[in-house]
């Protein structure tokens, strides 16, 4: 009888250890996917807001002469940013007034996507330039900047703020592709055979949630540029 009691005790201890381990794993998952995301998301937004305030503190550039306004309507960043080099802040009214995620060069997890937020695909145009500005960000973990990408609606404003001002794009459509379909980064997404000449924005992330099986892709078209001297665009006032 004593031997059976000891055996029962051992199994009981092992069972308790397994339950404890399960609880620890569950708490880690909850932290990683929800609590940690919320904290880093708030940190990303704070970093974006700080960068915006830094630009606001710089001297306001002189107004562009009238005869040059047509050419200078949408200035383009001359040099493509290197990996991890900050160049902009993305604002999407659909995602909330406090959404202000920093943007940097490169799409590597270690240098850009994990610690900063939104990455710019090397070799693609910069905001305001002709062609397809291509960006990537996490949909889950590390602040999940593109977590709500599937909620975008036709005409939603996607605003990229830089030291020059605000580039506003308007959302058009979503597409789901396999990871190998890199043609979404073409100068004219979805219509590679079409002559270039327009300005597009492509945002990519993983799909479905918590999976690397596919990519969700959001396409937008250029709408307008507003110089910093003129203040934030009306597009940031709401989802319209």
Protein backbone atom coordinates (compact mmCIF):
# COMPACT_ATOMS: atom_id res chain seq x y z
CA UNK A 1 0.00 0.00 0.00
CA UNK A 2 2.88 2.38 0.77
CA UNK A 3 4.44 1.77 -2.65
CA UNK A 4 1.16 2.62 -4.38
CA UNK A 5 0.95 5.78 -2.32
CA UNK A 6 4.42 6.86 -3.37
CA UNK A 7 3.57 6.13 -7.01
CA UNK A 8 0.42 8.18 -6.79
CA UNK A 9 2.37 11.01 -5.22
CA UNK A 10 4.98 10.98 -8.00
CA UNK A 11 2.32 11.04 -10.71
CA UNK A 12 0.58 13.86 -8.84
CA UNK A 13 3.74 15.95 -8.73
CA UNK A 14 4.43 15.32 -12.42
CA UNK A 15 0.86 16.29 -13.27
CA UNK A 16 1.13 19.50 -11.28
CA UNK A 17 4.41 20.35 -13.01
CA UNK A 18 2.84 19.78 -16.42
CA UNK A 19 -0.12 21.99 -15.51
CA UNK A 20 2.22 24.70 -14.25
CA UNK A 21 4.30 24.49 -17.42
CA UNK A 22 1.13 24.75 -19.51
CA UNK A 23 0.03 27.86 -17.61
CA UNK A 24 3.46 29.44 -18.09
CA UNK A 25 3.38 28.75 -21.83
CA UNK A 26 -0.16 30.14 -22.09
CA UNK A 27 0.84 33.30 -20.22
CA UNK A 28 3.84 33.72 -22.52
CA UNK A 29 1.63 33.41 -25.61
CA UNK A 30 -0.86 35.92 -24.20
CA UNK A 31 1.99 38.31 -23.44
CA UNK A 32 3.68 37.88 -26.81
CA UNK A 33 0.55 38.17 -28.96
CA UNK A 34 -1.57 40.69 -27.05
CA UNK A 35 0.01 42.48 -24.11
CA UNK A 36 3.46 42.76 -25.67
CA UNK A 37 1.97 43.85 -28.98
CA UNK A 38 -0.08 46.56 -27.29
CA UNK A 39 2.98 47.86 -25.43
CA UNK A 40 5.27 47.89 -28.46
CA UNK A 41 2.50 49.32 -30.63
CA UNK A 42 2.15 52.22 -28.19
CA UNK A 43 5.94 52.65 -28.18
CA UNK A 44 5.99 52.71 -31.99
CA UNK A 45 3.27 55.37 -32.07
CA UNK A 46 5.13 57.43 -29.48
CA UNK A 47 8.34 57.19 -31.53
CA UNK A 48 6.47 58.28 -34.65
CA UNK A 49 4.89 61.23 -32.85
CA UNK A 50 8.30 62.24 -31.49
CA UNK A 51 9.81 62.17 -34.98
CA UNK A 52 6.93 64.31 -36.26
CA UNK A 53 7.51 66.86 -33.47
CA UNK A 54 11.20 66.92 -34.33
CA UNK A 55 10.38 67.86 -37.92
CA UNK A 56 7.94 70.51 -36.69
CA UNK A 57 10.77 72.14 -34.72
CA UNK A 58 12.89 72.60 -37.85
CA UNK A 59 12.84 75.93 -39.74
CA UNK A 60 9.93 76.13 -42.18
CA UNK A 61 11.26 76.13 -45.77
CA UNK A 62 10.55 79.15 -47.93
CA UNK A 63 7.43 78.94 -50.14
CA UNK A 64 8.01 77.49 -53.60
CA UNK A 65 7.82 80.13 -56.37
CA UNK A 66 4.55 79.97 -58.30
CA UNK A 67 6.20 79.05 -61.59
CA UNK A 68 7.87 76.03 -59.97
CA UNK A 69 4.87 74.72 -58.06
CA UNK A 70 3.89 72.17 -60.72
CA UNK A 71 7.30 70.49 -60.65
CA UNK A 72 7.74 70.69 -56.88
CA UNK A 73 4.21 69.54 -56.04
CA UNK A 74 5.50 66.20 -54.73
CA UNK A 75 9.19 66.33 -53.79
CA UNK A 76 10.92 62.98 -53.62
CA UNK A 77 13.57 61.90 -51.11
CA UNK A 78 16.74 61.93 -53.18
CA UNK A 79 18.59 59.06 -51.49
CA UNK A 80 17.02 55.71 -50.68
CA UNK A 81 17.35 55.08 -46.94
CA UNK A 82 19.71 52.36 -45.78
CA UNK A 83 18.56 49.48 -43.55
CA UNK A 84 17.09 50.87 -40.36
CA UNK A 85 17.42 54.52 -41.45
CA UNK A 86 14.29 56.47 -40.51
CA UNK A 87 12.66 58.55 -43.22
CA UNK A 88 8.94 58.80 -42.51
CA UNK A 89 5.90 58.19 -40.33
CA UNK A 90 2.80 56.39 -41.56
CA UNK A 91 -0.60 57.66 -40.45
CA UNK A 92 -3.88 55.91 -41.26
CA UNK A 93 -7.03 57.57 -39.87
CA UNK A 94 -8.92 54.26 -40.19
CA UNK A 95 -6.54 52.81 -37.58
CA UNK A 96 -7.05 55.62 -35.05
CA UNK A 97 -5.83 59.16 -34.31
CA UNK A 98 -2.77 57.90 -32.40
CA UNK A 99 -1.56 55.63 -35.24
CA UNK A 100 1.86 57.06 -36.14
CA UNK A 101 4.32 54.28 -37.01
CA UNK A 102 7.95 55.04 -37.94
CA UNK A 103 9.18 53.99 -41.38
CA UNK A 104 12.74 53.00 -42.23
CA UNK A 105 14.77 51.53 -45.06
CA UNK A 106 14.97 47.77 -45.59
CA UNK A 107 12.64 44.91 -44.74
CA UNK A 108 14.86 42.71 -42.56
CA UNK A 109 13.30 41.65 -39.28
CA UNK A 110 16.41 42.21 -37.17
CA UNK A 111 17.16 45.76 -38.34
CA UNK A 112 13.84 47.28 -39.41
CA UNK A 113 10.59 45.36 -39.00
CA UNK A 114 11.01 44.13 -35.41
CA UNK A 115 12.58 47.17 -33.70
CA UNK A 116 11.16 50.02 -35.82
CA UNK A 117 7.86 49.08 -37.49
CA UNK A 118 7.41 49.63 -41.24
CA UNK A 119 10.11 48.85 -43.81
CA UNK A 120 10.70 50.10 -47.36
CA UNK A 121 11.58 47.48 -49.98
CA UNK A 122 15.03 48.36 -51.37
CA UNK A 123 14.99 49.35 -55.04
CA UNK A 124 11.39 50.56 -55.07
CA UNK A 125 10.50 54.28 -55.39
CA UNK A 126 10.25 56.66 -52.47
CA UNK A 127 6.99 58.41 -51.54
CA UNK A 128 5.75 60.81 -54.20
CA UNK A 129 7.87 59.32 -56.97
CA UNK A 130 6.51 57.68 -60.10
CA UNK A 131 6.15 53.92 -59.74
CA UNK A 132 5.28 51.66 -56.82
CA UNK A 133 6.35 52.55 -53.28
CA UNK A 134 6.50 49.12 -51.59
CA UNK A 135 6.33 48.63 -47.82
CA UNK A 136 6.21 45.72 -45.37
CA UNK A 137 5.28 45.32 -41.69
CA UNK A 138 4.16 42.68 -39.22
CA UNK A 139 0.50 41.82 -38.85
CA UNK A 140 1.10 40.13 -35.49
CA UNK A 141 3.87 40.61 -32.88
CA UNK A 142 6.36 43.47 -32.54
CA UNK A 143 3.63 46.08 -32.40
CA UNK A 144 1.82 44.64 -35.45
CA UNK A 145 1.68 47.88 -37.51
CA UNK A 146 -0.39 46.24 -40.28
CA UNK A 147 -2.64 44.24 -37.94
CA UNK A 148 -5.80 45.94 -39.28
CA UNK A 149 -4.78 46.04 -42.94
CA UNK A 150 -7.79 43.90 -43.92
CA UNK A 151 -10.13 46.58 -42.50
CA UNK A 152 -9.13 49.22 -45.06
CA UNK A 153 -12.01 50.55 -47.15
CA UNK A 154 -12.11 52.06 -50.62
CA UNK A 155 -10.84 55.63 -50.53
CA UNK A 156 -9.23 55.41 -47.08
CA UNK A 157 -6.30 57.80 -46.67
CA UNK A 158 -2.82 56.33 -46.23
CA UNK A 159 -0.61 59.27 -45.26
CA UNK A 160 3.19 59.20 -45.21
CA UNK A 161 4.73 62.07 -43.28
CA UNK A 162 8.32 63.13 -43.96
CA UNK A 163 10.39 66.20 -43.11
CA UNK A 164 9.10 67.76 -46.37
CA UNK A 165 5.41 67.26 -45.68
CA UNK A 166 2.60 64.75 -46.13
CA UNK A 167 2.06 62.34 -49.06
CA UNK A 168 -1.53 61.12 -49.20
CA UNK A 169 -2.47 57.91 -51.00
CA UNK A 170 -5.98 56.47 -51.34
CA UNK A 171 -6.67 52.79 -50.77
CA UNK A 172 -8.10 50.84 -53.70
CA UNK A 173 -8.08 47.08 -53.17
CA UNK A 174 -6.71 44.02 -51.35
CA UNK A 175 -5.13 40.94 -52.86
CA UNK A 176 -3.92 37.65 -51.37
CA UNK A 177 -0.86 36.07 -52.97
CA UNK A 178 1.76 33.42 -52.30
CA UNK A 179 5.13 34.55 -50.89
CA UNK A 180 6.77 33.84 -54.26
CA UNK A 181 4.62 36.37 -56.14
CA UNK A 182 7.06 39.25 -56.05
CA UNK A 183 5.36 40.94 -59.02
CA UNK A 184 3.27 42.85 -56.45
CA UNK A 185 6.36 45.07 -56.16
CA UNK A 186 6.37 45.91 -59.90
CA UNK A 187 6.20 49.53 -61.01
CA UNK A 188 2.55 48.97 -61.95
CA UNK A 189 1.22 46.35 -59.51
CA UNK A 190 -1.24 43.77 -60.91
CA UNK A 191 -0.69 45.13 -64.43
CA UNK A 192 3.00 44.68 -65.12
CA UNK A 193 2.57 45.10 -68.87
CA UNK A 194 1.04 48.56 -68.43
CA UNK A 195 3.40 51.49 -69.13
CA UNK A 196 4.61 53.22 -65.99
CA UNK A 197 3.85 56.87 -65.25
CA UNK A 198 1.55 56.79 -62.23
CA UNK A 199 2.26 56.75 -58.50
CA UNK A 200 1.26 53.74 -56.39
CA UNK A 201 1.69 52.43 -52.86
CA UNK A 202 1.81 48.73 -51.95
CA UNK A 203 1.65 47.47 -48.36
CA UNK A 204 2.45 43.79 -47.68
CA UNK A 205 2.06 41.57 -44.62
CA UNK A 206 1.51 37.94 -43.68
CA UNK A 207 -1.79 36.11 -44.14
CA UNK A 208 -3.71 34.53 -42.55
CA UNK A 209 -3.02 35.80 -39.07
CA UNK A 210 -0.19 33.92 -37.29
CA UNK A 211 0.83 32.24 -40.56
CA UNK A 212 3.40 32.65 -43.32
CA UNK A 213 1.37 30.71 -45.91
CA UNK A 214 0.30 33.76 -47.92
CA UNK A 215 0.71 37.52 -48.16
CA UNK A 216 -2.04 40.12 -47.86
CA UNK A 217 -1.37 43.07 -50.15
CA UNK A 218 -3.05 46.49 -50.00
CA UNK A 219 -2.84 48.71 -53.08
CA UNK A 220 -3.28 52.48 -53.04
CA UNK A 221 -2.88 55.34 -55.54
CA UNK A 222 -1.28 58.74 -55.03
CA UNK A 223 -3.71 61.53 -54.21
CA UNK A 224 -1.82 64.63 -53.11
CA UNK A 225 1.15 66.21 -51.37
CA UNK A 226 0.94 68.91 -48.70
CA UNK A 227 4.08 70.86 -47.71
CA UNK A 228 4.90 71.00 -44.01
CA UNK A 229 4.56 74.79 -44.11
CA UNK A 230 0.83 74.33 -44.88
CA UNK A 231 0.17 72.08 -41.89
CA UNK A 232 -1.33 68.54 -41.82
CA UNK A 233 -3.68 67.57 -44.66
CA UNK A 234 -7.44 67.40 -44.19
CA UNK A 235 -7.19 63.64 -44.81
CA UNK A 236 -5.90 63.22 -41.25
CA UNK A 237 -9.07 64.65 -39.74
CA UNK A 238 -11.02 61.40 -40.18
CA UNK A 239 -11.64 58.29 -42.27
CA UNK A 240 -13.21 60.25 -45.15
